Amino acid sequence: MRIETMRMLDVRSWTSVLGSTAQRATNYLEGLDRRGVAPTPSALARLDALDGPTPERGEDAADVLRLLDEVGSPATVASAGGRYFG
């Protein structure tokens, strides 16, 4: 495979991941008014899904993003302000 082709595939892959990131961020911000300020105990307990050894090889960026959003987002403090000092 030529280097130009490899770069093109990589750019397309990252374009998809960045688009997903933007959509997830938009969903998070649009949903803030429907969330409690503090995370629920069950959302905090789900953070255990992020615990574990560091993988030997990189994982698919889209899969990592999905996991961080699905597990991590509900366990955050619902704030979009720049002056929150928690």
Protein backbone atom coordinates (compact mmCIF):
# COMPACT_ATOMS: atom_id res chain seq x y z
CA MET A 1 0.00 0.00 0.00
CA ARG A 2 1.35 3.40 -0.90
CA ILE A 3 2.03 5.92 1.85
CA GLU A 4 -0.46 8.41 0.36
CA THR A 5 -3.20 5.76 0.48
CA MET A 6 -2.34 4.88 4.08
CA ARG A 7 -2.52 8.54 5.10
CA MET A 8 -5.88 8.91 3.37
CA LEU A 9 -7.31 5.94 5.26
CA ASP A 10 -6.00 7.32 8.53
CA VAL A 11 -7.52 10.76 7.86
CA ARG A 12 -10.89 9.20 7.01
CA SER A 13 -10.81 7.15 10.19
CA TRP A 14 -9.98 10.16 12.34
CA THR A 15 -12.57 12.30 10.57
CA SER A 16 -15.20 9.79 11.68
CA VAL A 17 -13.91 9.71 15.26
CA LEU A 18 -13.78 13.51 15.46
CA GLY A 19 -17.32 13.75 14.08
CA SER A 20 -18.48 11.29 16.72
CA THR A 21 -16.66 13.29 19.39
CA ALA A 22 -18.42 16.49 18.31
CA GLN A 23 -21.82 14.76 18.33
CA ARG A 24 -21.24 13.25 21.77
CA ALA A 25 -20.12 16.63 23.14
CA THR A 26 -23.21 18.28 21.69
CA ASN A 27 -25.47 15.61 23.21
CA TYR A 28 -23.77 16.08 26.59
CA LEU A 29 -24.23 19.85 26.55
CA GLU A 30 -27.82 19.66 25.32
CA GLY A 31 -28.67 17.17 28.09
CA LEU A 32 -27.22 19.11 31.02
CA ASP A 33 -30.58 20.59 32.04
CA ARG A 34 -32.04 17.07 32.40
CA ARG A 35 -29.26 15.79 34.67
CA GLY A 36 -28.65 16.15 38.34
CA VAL A 37 -25.67 18.27 39.29
CA ALA A 38 -23.83 15.39 40.98
CA PRO A 39 -23.44 11.89 39.55
CA THR A 40 -25.57 9.10 40.99
CA PRO A 41 -23.98 6.33 43.07
CA SER A 42 -24.72 3.83 40.28
CA ALA A 43 -22.97 6.04 37.70
CA LEU A 44 -19.93 6.24 39.96
CA ALA A 45 -19.97 2.46 40.45
CA ARG A 46 -19.94 1.94 36.68
CA LEU A 47 -16.55 3.66 36.53
CA ASP A 48 -15.09 0.28 37.53
CA ALA A 49 -15.50 -0.61 33.84
CA LEU A 50 -12.61 1.77 33.13
CA ASP A 51 -10.31 0.03 35.60
CA GLY A 52 -7.83 -2.53 34.40
CA PRO A 53 -4.37 -2.94 33.01
CA THR A 54 -3.11 -0.75 30.22
CA PRO A 55 -3.47 -2.72 26.98
CA GLU A 56 -0.34 -3.92 25.23
CA ARG A 57 -1.64 -2.56 21.93
CA GLY A 58 -3.73 0.44 21.10
CA GLU A 59 -7.46 -0.02 20.89
CA ASP A 60 -9.85 1.30 18.29
CA ALA A 61 -10.39 5.02 18.91
CA ALA A 62 -14.13 4.82 18.24
CA ASP A 63 -14.51 2.01 20.80
CA VAL A 64 -12.53 3.95 23.42
CA LEU A 65 -14.58 7.08 22.79
CA ARG A 66 -17.84 5.13 23.10
CA LEU A 67 -16.76 3.55 26.39
CA LEU A 68 -15.59 6.87 27.86
CA ASP A 69 -18.85 8.54 26.88
CA GLU A 70 -21.19 5.75 28.00
CA VAL A 71 -19.41 5.10 31.30
CA GLY A 72 -17.69 8.39 32.05
CA SER A 73 -20.22 11.03 31.02
CA PRO A 74 -22.92 9.98 33.52
CA ALA A 75 -20.30 10.10 36.30
CA THR A 76 -19.31 13.71 35.71
CA VAL A 77 -20.52 16.85 37.44
CA ALA A 78 -23.12 18.42 35.16
CA SER A 79 -21.55 21.78 34.48
CA ALA A 80 -20.64 23.61 31.30
CA GLY A 81 -19.38 26.75 33.00
CA GLY A 82 -15.76 27.73 32.90
CA ARG A 83 -15.56 28.73 36.56
CA TYR A 84 -16.52 25.51 38.34
CA PHE A 85 -13.91 24.57 40.93
CA GLY A 86 -15.66 21.46 42.27
